[in-house]
Amino acid sequence: RAVLLDDNAQVHMLNVSKHGYHKLPGGGIEAGEDILSALERELMEEVG
């Protein structure tokens, strides 16, 4: 997971409306994937 800041130093959170909570962008690490590669993939998928 990552803490993403915009140009005004505001933290971006994702709303998980199905379960009623917020989370930092990111996600699961797949088999054979290192942490940084997983983070790069998840950040592109979730927030571009």
All heavy atoms as atom14 arrays in JSON, in Angstrom:
{
  "sequence": "RAVLLDDNAQVHMLNVSKHGYHKLPGGGIEAGEDILSALERELMEEVG",
  "atom14_mask": [
    [1, 1, 1, 1, 1, 1, 1, 1, 1, 1, 1, 0, 0, 0],
    [1, 1, 1, 1, 1, 0, 0, 0, 0, 0, 0, 0, 0, 0],
    [1, 1, 1, 1, 1, 1, 1, 0, 0, 0, 0, 0, 0, 0],
    [1, 1, 1, 1, 1, 1, 1, 1, 0, 0, 0, 0, 0, 0],
    [1, 1, 1, 1, 1, 1, 1, 1, 0, 0, 0, 0, 0, 0],
    [1, 1, 1, 1, 1, 1, 1, 1, 0, 0, 0, 0, 0, 0],
    [1, 1, 1, 1, 1, 1, 1, 1, 0, 0, 0, 0, 0, 0],
    [1, 1, 1, 1, 1, 1, 1, 1, 0, 0, 0, 0, 0, 0],
    [1, 1, 1, 1, 1, 0, 0, 0, 0, 0, 0, 0, 0, 0],
    [1, 1, 1, 1, 1, 1, 1, 1, 1, 0, 0, 0, 0, 0],
    [1, 1, 1, 1, 1, 1, 1, 0, 0, 0, 0, 0, 0, 0],
    [1, 1, 1, 1, 1, 1, 1, 1, 1, 1, 0, 0, 0, 0],
    [1, 1, 1, 1, 1, 1, 1, 1, 0, 0, 0, 0, 0, 0],
    [1, 1, 1, 1, 1, 1, 1, 1, 0, 0, 0, 0, 0, 0],
    [1, 1, 1, 1, 1, 1, 1, 1, 0, 0, 0, 0, 0, 0],
    [1, 1, 1, 1, 1, 1, 1, 0, 0, 0, 0, 0, 0, 0],
    [1, 1, 1, 1, 1, 1, 0, 0, 0, 0, 0, 0, 0, 0],
    [1, 1, 1, 1, 1, 1, 1, 1, 1, 0, 0, 0, 0, 0],
    [1, 1, 1, 1, 1, 1, 1, 1, 1, 1, 0, 0, 0, 0],
    [1, 1, 1, 1, 0, 0, 0, 0, 0, 0, 0, 0, 0, 0],
    [1, 1, 1, 1, 1, 1, 1, 1, 1, 1, 1, 1, 0, 0],
    [1, 1, 1, 1, 1, 1, 1, 1, 1, 1, 0, 0, 0, 0],
    [1, 1, 1, 1, 1, 1, 1, 1, 1, 0, 0, 0, 0, 0],
    [1, 1, 1, 1, 1, 1, 1, 1, 0, 0, 0, 0, 0, 0],
    [1, 1, 1, 1, 1, 1, 1, 0, 0, 0, 0, 0, 0, 0],
    [1, 1, 1, 1, 0, 0, 0, 0, 0, 0, 0, 0, 0, 0],
    [1, 1, 1, 1, 0, 0, 0, 0, 0, 0, 0, 0, 0, 0],
    [1, 1, 1, 1, 0, 0, 0, 0, 0, 0, 0, 0, 0, 0],
    [1, 1, 1, 1, 1, 1, 1, 1, 0, 0, 0, 0, 0, 0],
    [1, 1, 1, 1, 1, 1, 1, 1, 1, 0, 0, 0, 0, 0],
    [1, 1, 1, 1, 1, 0, 0, 0, 0, 0, 0, 0, 0, 0],
    [1, 1, 1, 1, 0, 0, 0, 0, 0, 0, 0, 0, 0, 0],
    [1, 1, 1, 1, 1, 1, 1, 1, 1, 0, 0, 0, 0, 0],
    [1, 1, 1, 1, 1, 1, 1, 1, 0, 0, 0, 0, 0, 0],
    [1, 1, 1, 1, 1, 1, 1, 1, 0, 0, 0, 0, 0, 0],
    [1, 1, 1, 1, 1, 1, 1, 1, 0, 0, 0, 0, 0, 0],
    [1, 1, 1, 1, 1, 1, 0, 0, 0, 0, 0, 0, 0, 0],
    [1, 1, 1, 1, 1, 0, 0, 0, 0, 0, 0, 0, 0, 0],
    [1, 1, 1, 1, 1, 1, 1, 1, 0, 0, 0, 0, 0, 0],
    [1, 1, 1, 1, 1, 1, 1, 1, 1, 0, 0, 0, 0, 0],
    [1, 1, 1, 1, 1, 1, 1, 1, 1, 1, 1, 0, 0, 0],
    [1, 1, 1, 1, 1, 1, 1, 1, 1, 0, 0, 0, 0, 0],
    [1, 1, 1, 1, 1, 1, 1, 1, 0, 0, 0, 0, 0, 0],
    [1, 1, 1, 1, 1, 1, 1, 1, 0, 0, 0, 0, 0, 0],
    [1, 1, 1, 1, 1, 1, 1, 1, 1, 0, 0, 0, 0, 0],
    [1, 1, 1, 1, 1, 1, 1, 1, 1, 0, 0, 0, 0, 0],
    [1, 1, 1, 1, 1, 1, 1, 0, 0, 0, 0, 0, 0, 0],
    [1, 1, 1, 1, 0, 0, 0, 0, 0, 0, 0, 0, 0, 0]
  ],
  "atom14_positions": [
    [[0.85, -1.19, 0.0], [0.0, 0.0, 0.0], [0.89, 1.24, 0.0], [2.04, 1.2, 0.38], [-0.9, 0.02, 1.22], [-1.8, -1.2, 1.28], [-3.2, -0.88, 1.73], [-4.05, -2.05, 1.62], [-4.8, -2.31, 0.57], [-4.82, -1.49, -0.45], [-5.54, -3.39, 0.53], [0.0, 0.0, 0.0], [0.0, 0.0, 0.0], [0.0, 0.0, 0.0]],
    [[0.31, 2.36, -0.42], [1.08, 3.6, -0.5], [0.27, 4.75, 0.05], [-0.96, 4.75, 0.01], [1.44, 3.9, -1.95], [0.0, 0.0, 0.0], [0.0, 0.0, 0.0], [0.0, 0.0, 0.0], [0.0, 0.0, 0.0], [0.0, 0.0, 0.0], [0.0, 0.0, 0.0], [0.0, 0.0, 0.0], [0.0, 0.0, 0.0], [0.0, 0.0, 0.0]],
    [[0.97, 5.74, 0.56], [0.36, 7.01, 0.94], [0.59, 7.94, -0.24], [1.72, 8.29, -0.55], [0.98, 7.59, 2.22], [0.41, 8.95, 2.53], [0.8, 6.62, 3.39], [0.0, 0.0, 0.0], [0.0, 0.0, 0.0], [0.0, 0.0, 0.0], [0.0, 0.0, 0.0], [0.0, 0.0, 0.0], [0.0, 0.0, 0.0], [0.0, 0.0, 0.0]],
    [[-0.5, 8.29, -0.93], [-0.42, 9.18, -2.09], [-0.86, 10.58, -1.68], [-1.93, 10.75, -1.1], [-1.33, 8.7, -3.22], [-0.96, 7.38, -3.88], [-1.97, 7.06, -4.98], [0.43, 7.44, -4.46], [0.0, 0.0, 0.0], [0.0, 0.0, 0.0], [0.0, 0.0, 0.0], [0.0, 0.0, 0.0], [0.0, 0.0, 0.0], [0.0, 0.0, 0.0]],
    [[-0.03, 11.56, -2.0], [-0.35, 12.96, -1.7], [-0.56, 13.72, -3.0], [0.17, 13.52, -3.97], [0.81, 13.61, -0.94], [1.23, 12.95, 0.36], [2.48, 13.63, 0.92], [0.12, 12.96, 1.38], [0.0, 0.0, 0.0], [0.0, 0.0, 0.0], [0.0, 0.0, 0.0], [0.0, 0.0, 0.0], [0.0, 0.0, 0.0], [0.0, 0.0, 0.0]],
    [[-1.55, 14.62, -3.0], [-1.73, 15.47, -4.16], [-0.86, 16.72, -4.01], [-0.07, 16.83, -3.07], [-3.21, 15.81, -4.38], [-3.82, 16.66, -3.29], [-3.08, 17.24, -2.46], [-5.06, 16.77, -3.25], [0.0, 0.0, 0.0], [0.0, 0.0, 0.0], [0.0, 0.0, 0.0], [0.0, 0.0, 0.0], [0.0, 0.0, 0.0], [0.0, 0.0, 0.0]],
    [[-1.0, 17.67, -4.93], [-0.18, 18.88, -4.89], [-0.43, 19.74, -3.67], [0.36, 20.62, -3.35], [-0.42, 19.71, -6.16], [0.12, 19.01, -7.41], [1.03, 18.16, -7.28], [-0.4, 19.3, -8.5], [0.0, 0.0, 0.0], [0.0, 0.0, 0.0], [0.0, 0.0, 0.0], [0.0, 0.0, 0.0], [0.0, 0.0, 0.0], [0.0, 0.0, 0.0]],
    [[-1.54, 19.51, -2.97], [-1.86, 20.26, -1.75], [-1.57, 19.45, -0.49], [-2.07, 19.77, 0.58], [-3.34, 20.68, -1.77], [-3.63, 21.61, -2.91], [-2.89, 22.56, -3.14], [-4.69, 21.34, -3.66], [0.0, 0.0, 0.0], [0.0, 0.0, 0.0], [0.0, 0.0, 0.0], [0.0, 0.0, 0.0], [0.0, 0.0, 0.0], [0.0, 0.0, 0.0]],
    [[-0.82, 18.35, -0.62], [-0.44, 17.46, 0.48], [-1.65, 16.78, 1.13], [-1.62, 16.44, 2.3], [0.4, 18.21, 1.52], [0.0, 0.0, 0.0], [0.0, 0.0, 0.0], [0.0, 0.0, 0.0], [0.0, 0.0, 0.0], [0.0, 0.0, 0.0], [0.0, 0.0, 0.0], [0.0, 0.0, 0.0], [0.0, 0.0, 0.0], [0.0, 0.0, 0.0]],
    [[-2.72, 16.59, 0.35], [-3.88, 15.86, 0.83], [-3.67, 14.37, 0.54], [-3.24, 14.0, -0.55], [-5.16, 16.33, 0.12], [-5.5, 17.78, 0.37], [-5.94, 18.01, 1.81], [-6.81, 17.33, 2.31], [-5.33, 18.99, 2.45], [0.0, 0.0, 0.0], [0.0, 0.0, 0.0], [0.0, 0.0, 0.0], [0.0, 0.0, 0.0], [0.0, 0.0, 0.0]],
    [[-3.98, 13.51, 1.51], [-3.81, 12.07, 1.36], [-5.01, 11.49, 0.62], [-6.16, 11.8, 0.94], [-3.67, 11.38, 2.74], [-3.6, 9.87, 2.6], [-2.45, 11.91, 3.48], [0.0, 0.0, 0.0], [0.0, 0.0, 0.0], [0.0, 0.0, 0.0], [0.0, 0.0, 0.0], [0.0, 0.0, 0.0], [0.0, 0.0, 0.0], [0.0, 0.0, 0.0]],
    [[-4.74, 10.64, -0.37], [-5.8, 9.98, -1.12], [-6.16, 8.65, -0.45], [-5.28, 7.84, -0.16], [-5.36, 9.7, -2.56], [-5.31, 10.92, -3.39], [-6.34, 11.32, -4.2], [-4.36, 11.89, -3.5], [-6.02, 12.45, -4.8], [-4.82, 12.8, -4.38], [0.0, 0.0, 0.0], [0.0, 0.0, 0.0], [0.0, 0.0, 0.0], [0.0, 0.0, 0.0]],
    [[-7.44, 8.44, -0.22], [-7.95, 7.19, 0.35], [-9.01, 6.65, -0.61], [-9.71, 7.41, -1.27], [-8.59, 7.43, 1.72], [-7.67, 8.03, 2.76], [-6.43, 6.89, 3.37], [-7.43, 5.77, 4.31], [0.0, 0.0, 0.0], [0.0, 0.0, 0.0], [0.0, 0.0, 0.0], [0.0, 0.0, 0.0], [0.0, 0.0, 0.0], [0.0, 0.0, 0.0]],
    [[-9.13, 5.33, -0.68], [-10.16, 4.7, -1.49], [-11.31, 4.29, -0.59], [-11.09, 3.77, 0.5], [-9.6, 3.46, -2.2], [-8.44, 3.72, -3.16], [-7.93, 2.4, -3.72], [-8.87, 4.64, -4.27], [0.0, 0.0, 0.0], [0.0, 0.0, 0.0], [0.0, 0.0, 0.0], [0.0, 0.0, 0.0], [0.0, 0.0, 0.0], [0.0, 0.0, 0.0]],
    [[-12.52, 4.53, -1.05], [-13.71, 4.15, -0.29], [-14.15, 2.75, -0.71], [-14.42, 2.51, -1.88], [-14.83, 5.15, -0.55], [-16.09, 4.82, 0.2], [-16.09, 4.02, 1.12], [-17.18, 5.45, -0.18], [0.0, 0.0, 0.0], [0.0, 0.0, 0.0], [0.0, 0.0, 0.0], [0.0, 0.0, 0.0], [0.0, 0.0, 0.0], [0.0, 0.0, 0.0]],
    [[-14.19, 1.84, 0.24], [-14.67, 0.48, -0.01], [-16.14, 0.47, 0.44], [-16.46, 0.08, 1.56], [-13.83, -0.57, 0.74], [-14.29, -1.98, 0.4], [-12.35, -0.38, 0.42], [0.0, 0.0, 0.0], [0.0, 0.0, 0.0], [0.0, 0.0, 0.0], [0.0, 0.0, 0.0], [0.0, 0.0, 0.0], [0.0, 0.0, 0.0], [0.0, 0.0, 0.0]],
    [[-17.02, 0.93, -0.45], [-18.42, 1.13, -0.07], [-19.12, -0.18, 0.26], [-20.03, -0.2, 1.1], [-19.16, 1.87, -1.19], [-19.07, 1.16, -2.4], [0.0, 0.0, 0.0], [0.0, 0.0, 0.0], [0.0, 0.0, 0.0], [0.0, 0.0, 0.0], [0.0, 0.0, 0.0], [0.0, 0.0, 0.0], [0.0, 0.0, 0.0], [0.0, 0.0, 0.0]],
    [[-18.71, -1.28, -0.36], [-19.34, -2.58, -0.09], [-19.24, -2.95, 1.39], [-20.14, -3.55, 1.95], [-18.68, -3.66, -0.95], [-19.24, -5.04, -0.75], [-18.56, -6.05, -1.66], [-19.11, -7.44, -1.42], [-18.46, -8.43, -2.29], [0.0, 0.0, 0.0], [0.0, 0.0, 0.0], [0.0, 0.0, 0.0], [0.0, 0.0, 0.0], [0.0, 0.0, 0.0]],
    [[-18.11, -2.58, 2.02], [-17.89, -2.94, 3.42], [-17.88, -1.72, 4.35], [-17.69, -1.85, 5.55], [-16.58, -3.71, 3.58], [-16.57, -5.01, 2.85], [-17.36, -6.08, 3.21], [-15.89, -5.4, 1.75], [-17.16, -7.08, 2.37], [-16.27, -6.7, 1.47], [0.0, 0.0, 0.0], [0.0, 0.0, 0.0], [0.0, 0.0, 0.0], [0.0, 0.0, 0.0]],
    [[-18.04, -0.53, 3.8], [-18.16, 0.67, 4.62], [-16.89, 1.13, 5.3], [-16.91, 1.53, 6.45], [0.0, 0.0, 0.0], [0.0, 0.0, 0.0], [0.0, 0.0, 0.0], [0.0, 0.0, 0.0], [0.0, 0.0, 0.0], [0.0, 0.0, 0.0], [0.0, 0.0, 0.0], [0.0, 0.0, 0.0], [0.0, 0.0, 0.0], [0.0, 0.0, 0.0]],
    [[-15.75, 1.08, 4.59], [-14.52, 1.6, 5.17], [-13.66, 2.22, 4.08], [-13.96, 2.12, 2.9], [-13.75, 0.51, 5.94], [-13.19, -0.6, 5.08], [-11.91, -0.52, 4.55], [-13.93, -1.74, 4.8], [-11.39, -1.53, 3.77], [-13.41, -2.77, 4.03], [-12.14, -2.65, 3.52], [-11.63, -3.66, 2.74], [0.0, 0.0, 0.0], [0.0, 0.0, 0.0]],
    [[-12.58, 2.88, 4.48], [-11.62, 3.49, 3.56], [-10.29, 2.74, 3.68], [-10.0, 2.15, 4.72], [-11.4, 4.96, 3.91], [-12.57, 5.82, 3.6], [-13.64, 5.93, 4.45], [-12.85, 6.59, 2.52], [-14.52, 6.75, 3.91], [-14.07, 7.16, 2.74], [0.0, 0.0, 0.0], [0.0, 0.0, 0.0], [0.0, 0.0, 0.0], [0.0, 0.0, 0.0]],
    [[-9.48, 2.8, 2.62], [-8.16, 2.17, 2.66], [-7.19, 2.97, 1.81], [-7.59, 3.77, 0.95], [-8.23, 0.74, 2.15], [-8.51, 0.61, 0.66], [-8.46, -0.83, 0.2], [-8.58, -0.89, -1.32], [-8.3, -2.2, -1.84], [0.0, 0.0, 0.0], [0.0, 0.0, 0.0], [0.0, 0.0, 0.0], [0.0, 0.0, 0.0], [0.0, 0.0, 0.0]],
    [[-5.91, 2.75, 2.08], [-4.88, 3.33, 1.24], [-4.83, 2.57, -0.08], [-5.12, 1.38, -0.13], [-3.51, 3.22, 1.93], [-3.32, 4.06, 3.18], [-2.04, 3.65, 3.89], [-3.3, 5.54, 2.83], [0.0, 0.0, 0.0], [0.0, 0.0, 0.0], [0.0, 0.0, 0.0], [0.0, 0.0, 0.0], [0.0, 0.0, 0.0], [0.0, 0.0, 0.0]],
    [[-4.47, 3.24, -1.18], [-4.37, 2.55, -2.46], [-3.29, 1.47, -2.41], [-2.27, 1.63, -1.76], [-3.98, 3.65, -3.45], [-4.0, 4.92, -2.72], [-4.16, 4.65, -1.28], [0.0, 0.0, 0.0], [0.0, 0.0, 0.0], [0.0, 0.0, 0.0], [0.0, 0.0, 0.0], [0.0, 0.0, 0.0], [0.0, 0.0, 0.0], [0.0, 0.0, 0.0]],
    [[-3.52, 0.41, -3.13], [-2.59, -0.72, -3.18], [-3.38, -1.99, -3.16], [-4.61, -1.99, -3.31], [0.0, 0.0, 0.0], [0.0, 0.0, 0.0], [0.0, 0.0, 0.0], [0.0, 0.0, 0.0], [0.0, 0.0, 0.0], [0.0, 0.0, 0.0], [0.0, 0.0, 0.0], [0.0, 0.0, 0.0], [0.0, 0.0, 0.0], [0.0, 0.0, 0.0]],
    [[-2.7, -3.09, -2.98], [-3.42, -4.36, -2.95], [-2.5, -5.54, -2.81], [-1.32, -5.41, -2.49], [0.0, 0.0, 0.0], [0.0, 0.0, 0.0], [0.0, 0.0, 0.0], [0.0, 0.0, 0.0], [0.0, 0.0, 0.0], [0.0, 0.0, 0.0], [0.0, 0.0, 0.0], [0.0, 0.0, 0.0], [0.0, 0.0, 0.0], [0.0, 0.0, 0.0]],
    [[-3.07, -6.71, -3.07], [-2.39, -7.97, -2.84], [-1.15, -8.18, -3.69], [-1.06, -7.7, -4.81], [0.0, 0.0, 0.0], [0.0, 0.0, 0.0], [0.0, 0.0, 0.0], [0.0, 0.0, 0.0], [0.0, 0.0, 0.0], [0.0, 0.0, 0.0], [0.0, 0.0, 0.0], [0.0, 0.0, 0.0], [0.0, 0.0, 0.0], [0.0, 0.0, 0.0]],
    [[-0.22, -8.92, -3.11], [1.01, -9.3, -3.8], [0.8, -10.69, -4.38], [0.49, -11.63, -3.65], [2.2, -9.28, -2.83], [2.37, -7.88, -2.22], [3.47, -9.75, -3.53], [3.37, -7.81, -1.09], [0.0, 0.0, 0.0], [0.0, 0.0, 0.0], [0.0, 0.0, 0.0], [0.0, 0.0, 0.0], [0.0, 0.0, 0.0], [0.0, 0.0, 0.0]],
    [[0.93, -10.81, -5.69], [0.7, -12.07, -6.37], [1.92, -13.0, -6.24], [3.03, -12.53, -5.99], [0.39, -11.81, -7.84], [-0.66, -10.73, -7.98], [-1.75, -11.07, -8.96], [-1.61, -12.02, -9.72], [-2.75, -10.35, -8.94], [0.0, 0.0, 0.0], [0.0, 0.0, 0.0], [0.0, 0.0, 0.0], [0.0, 0.0, 0.0], [0.0, 0.0, 0.0]],
    [[1.7, -14.28, -6.42], [2.78, -15.27, -6.34], [3.9, -14.89, -7.31], [3.64, -14.56, -8.47], [2.24, -16.65, -6.67], [0.0, 0.0, 0.0], [0.0, 0.0, 0.0], [0.0, 0.0, 0.0], [0.0, 0.0, 0.0], [0.0, 0.0, 0.0], [0.0, 0.0, 0.0], [0.0, 0.0, 0.0], [0.0, 0.0, 0.0], [0.0, 0.0, 0.0]],
    [[5.13, -14.88, -6.82], [6.29, -14.57, -7.65], [6.52, -13.09, -7.87], [7.47, -12.71, -8.56], [0.0, 0.0, 0.0], [0.0, 0.0, 0.0], [0.0, 0.0, 0.0], [0.0, 0.0, 0.0], [0.0, 0.0, 0.0], [0.0, 0.0, 0.0], [0.0, 0.0, 0.0], [0.0, 0.0, 0.0], [0.0, 0.0, 0.0], [0.0, 0.0, 0.0]],
    [[5.69, -12.24, -7.31], [5.79, -10.79, -7.5], [6.48, -10.17, -6.3], [6.21, -10.52, -5.16], [4.37, -10.23, -7.65], [4.29, -8.82, -8.12], [2.84, -8.4, -8.38], [1.93, -8.8, -7.61], [2.62, -7.67, -9.34], [0.0, 0.0, 0.0], [0.0, 0.0, 0.0], [0.0, 0.0, 0.0], [0.0, 0.0, 0.0], [0.0, 0.0, 0.0]],
    [[7.4, -9.22, -6.55], [8.02, -8.54, -5.41], [7.12, -7.37, -4.98], [6.21, -6.97, -5.71], [9.44, -8.05, -5.76], [9.46, -7.02, -6.86], [9.14, -5.85, -6.57], [9.77, -7.38, -8.02], [0.0, 0.0, 0.0], [0.0, 0.0, 0.0], [0.0, 0.0, 0.0], [0.0, 0.0, 0.0], [0.0, 0.0, 0.0], [0.0, 0.0, 0.0]],
    [[7.38, -6.84, -3.8], [6.51, -5.82, -3.21], [6.41, -4.58, -4.09], [5.32, -4.06, -4.33], [6.99, -5.46, -1.79], [6.83, -6.65, -0.86], [6.23, -4.26, -1.24], [7.47, -6.47, 0.51], [0.0, 0.0, 0.0], [0.0, 0.0, 0.0], [0.0, 0.0, 0.0], [0.0, 0.0, 0.0], [0.0, 0.0, 0.0], [0.0, 0.0, 0.0]],
    [[7.54, -4.08, -4.59], [7.52, -2.86, -5.39], [6.75, -3.06, -6.71], [5.97, -2.2, -7.1], [8.94, -2.37, -5.67], [9.06, -1.02, -6.36], [8.3, 0.07, -5.61], [10.51, -0.63, -6.52], [0.0, 0.0, 0.0], [0.0, 0.0, 0.0], [0.0, 0.0, 0.0], [0.0, 0.0, 0.0], [0.0, 0.0, 0.0], [0.0, 0.0, 0.0]],
    [[6.94, -4.2, -7.36], [6.2, -4.48, -8.59], [4.7, -4.54, -8.33], [3.9, -4.03, -9.11], [6.67, -5.78, -9.22], [8.01, -5.68, -9.63], [0.0, 0.0, 0.0], [0.0, 0.0, 0.0], [0.0, 0.0, 0.0], [0.0, 0.0, 0.0], [0.0, 0.0, 0.0], [0.0, 0.0, 0.0], [0.0, 0.0, 0.0], [0.0, 0.0, 0.0]],
    [[4.33, -5.18, -7.22], [2.92, -5.27, -6.85], [2.35, -3.88, -6.59], [1.24, -3.56, -7.04], [2.75, -6.14, -5.61], [0.0, 0.0, 0.0], [0.0, 0.0, 0.0], [0.0, 0.0, 0.0], [0.0, 0.0, 0.0], [0.0, 0.0, 0.0], [0.0, 0.0, 0.0], [0.0, 0.0, 0.0], [0.0, 0.0, 0.0], [0.0, 0.0, 0.0]],
    [[3.1, -3.05, -5.89], [2.64, -1.69, -5.6], [2.47, -0.88, -6.88], [1.44, -0.22, -7.07], [3.6, -0.99, -4.65], [3.2, 0.42, -4.22], [1.85, 0.41, -3.53], [4.26, 1.03, -3.35], [0.0, 0.0, 0.0], [0.0, 0.0, 0.0], [0.0, 0.0, 0.0], [0.0, 0.0, 0.0], [0.0, 0.0, 0.0], [0.0, 0.0, 0.0]],
    [[3.43, -0.95, -7.78], [3.33, -0.23, -9.05], [2.1, -0.68, -9.83], [1.35, 0.14, -10.37], [4.58, -0.45, -9.89], [5.8, 0.25, -9.32], [7.09, -0.14, -10.04], [7.12, -1.16, -10.77], [8.07, 0.6, -9.87], [0.0, 0.0, 0.0], [0.0, 0.0, 0.0], [0.0, 0.0, 0.0], [0.0, 0.0, 0.0], [0.0, 0.0, 0.0]],
    [[1.87, -1.98, -9.9], [0.72, -2.52, -10.62], [-0.59, -2.04, -10.0], [-1.51, -1.58, -10.68], [0.76, -4.06, -10.64], [-0.44, -4.71, -11.3], [-0.34, -6.23, -11.24], [-0.04, -6.77, -9.92], [-0.92, -6.86, -8.92], [-2.17, -6.41, -9.07], [-0.56, -7.39, -7.76], [0.0, 0.0, 0.0], [0.0, 0.0, 0.0], [0.0, 0.0, 0.0]],
    [[-0.69, -2.15, -8.68], [-1.92, -1.77, -7.98], [-2.2, -0.27, -8.1], [-3.35, 0.13, -8.29], [-1.84, -2.18, -6.51], [-1.96, -3.67, -6.27], [-3.36, -4.19, -6.5], [-4.33, -3.4, -6.57], [-3.5, -5.42, -6.61], [0.0, 0.0, 0.0], [0.0, 0.0, 0.0], [0.0, 0.0, 0.0], [0.0, 0.0, 0.0], [0.0, 0.0, 0.0]],
    [[-1.17, 0.56, -7.99], [-1.39, 2.0, -8.1], [-1.88, 2.37, -9.5], [-2.75, 3.23, -9.65], [-0.11, 2.77, -7.77], [0.32, 2.73, -6.31], [1.63, 3.48, -6.14], [-0.75, 3.28, -5.4], [0.0, 0.0, 0.0], [0.0, 0.0, 0.0], [0.0, 0.0, 0.0], [0.0, 0.0, 0.0], [0.0, 0.0, 0.0], [0.0, 0.0, 0.0]],
    [[-1.37, 1.71, -10.52], [-1.84, 1.97, -11.88], [-3.28, 1.51, -12.04], [-4.12, 2.21, -12.6], [-0.93, 1.28, -12.9], [-1.32, 1.57, -14.33], [-1.37, 3.33, -14.75], [0.35, 3.67, -14.93], [0.0, 0.0, 0.0], [0.0, 0.0, 0.0], [0.0, 0.0, 0.0], [0.0, 0.0, 0.0], [0.0, 0.0, 0.0], [0.0, 0.0, 0.0]],
    [[-3.6, 0.32, -11.51], [-4.96, -0.23, -11.63], [-5.98, 0.62, -10.88], [-7.08, 0.89, -11.39], [-5.02, -1.65, -11.07], [-4.33, -2.7, -11.91], [-4.32, -4.07, -11.24], [-4.91, -4.24, -10.15], [-3.68, -4.97, -11.8], [0.0, 0.0, 0.0], [0.0, 0.0, 0.0], [0.0, 0.0, 0.0], [0.0, 0.0, 0.0], [0.0, 0.0, 0.0]],
    [[-5.66, 1.03, -9.67], [-6.65, 1.67, -8.81], [-6.79, 3.17, -9.02], [-7.89, 3.7, -8.92], [-6.34, 1.39, -7.33], [-6.54, -0.07, -6.99], [-6.39, -0.35, -5.5], [-5.86, 0.5, -4.77], [-6.82, -1.44, -5.1], [0.0, 0.0, 0.0], [0.0, 0.0, 0.0], [0.0, 0.0, 0.0], [0.0, 0.0, 0.0], [0.0, 0.0, 0.0]],
    [[-5.69, 3.85, -9.27], [-5.77, 5.31, -9.37], [-5.07, 5.88, -10.6], [-5.01, 7.1, -10.77], [-5.23, 6.0, -8.09], [-6.07, 5.66, -6.89], [-3.78, 5.65, -7.85], [0.0, 0.0, 0.0], [0.0, 0.0, 0.0], [0.0, 0.0, 0.0], [0.0, 0.0, 0.0], [0.0, 0.0, 0.0], [0.0, 0.0, 0.0], [0.0, 0.0, 0.0]],
    [[-4.52, 5.03, -11.45], [-3.85, 5.5, -12.65], [-2.54, 6.23, -12.36], [-2.09, 7.04, -13.16], [0.0, 0.0, 0.0], [0.0, 0.0, 0.0], [0.0, 0.0, 0.0], [0.0, 0.0, 0.0], [0.0, 0.0, 0.0], [0.0, 0.0, 0.0], [0.0, 0.0, 0.0], [0.0, 0.0, 0.0], [0.0, 0.0, 0.0], [0.0, 0.0, 0.0]]
  ]
}
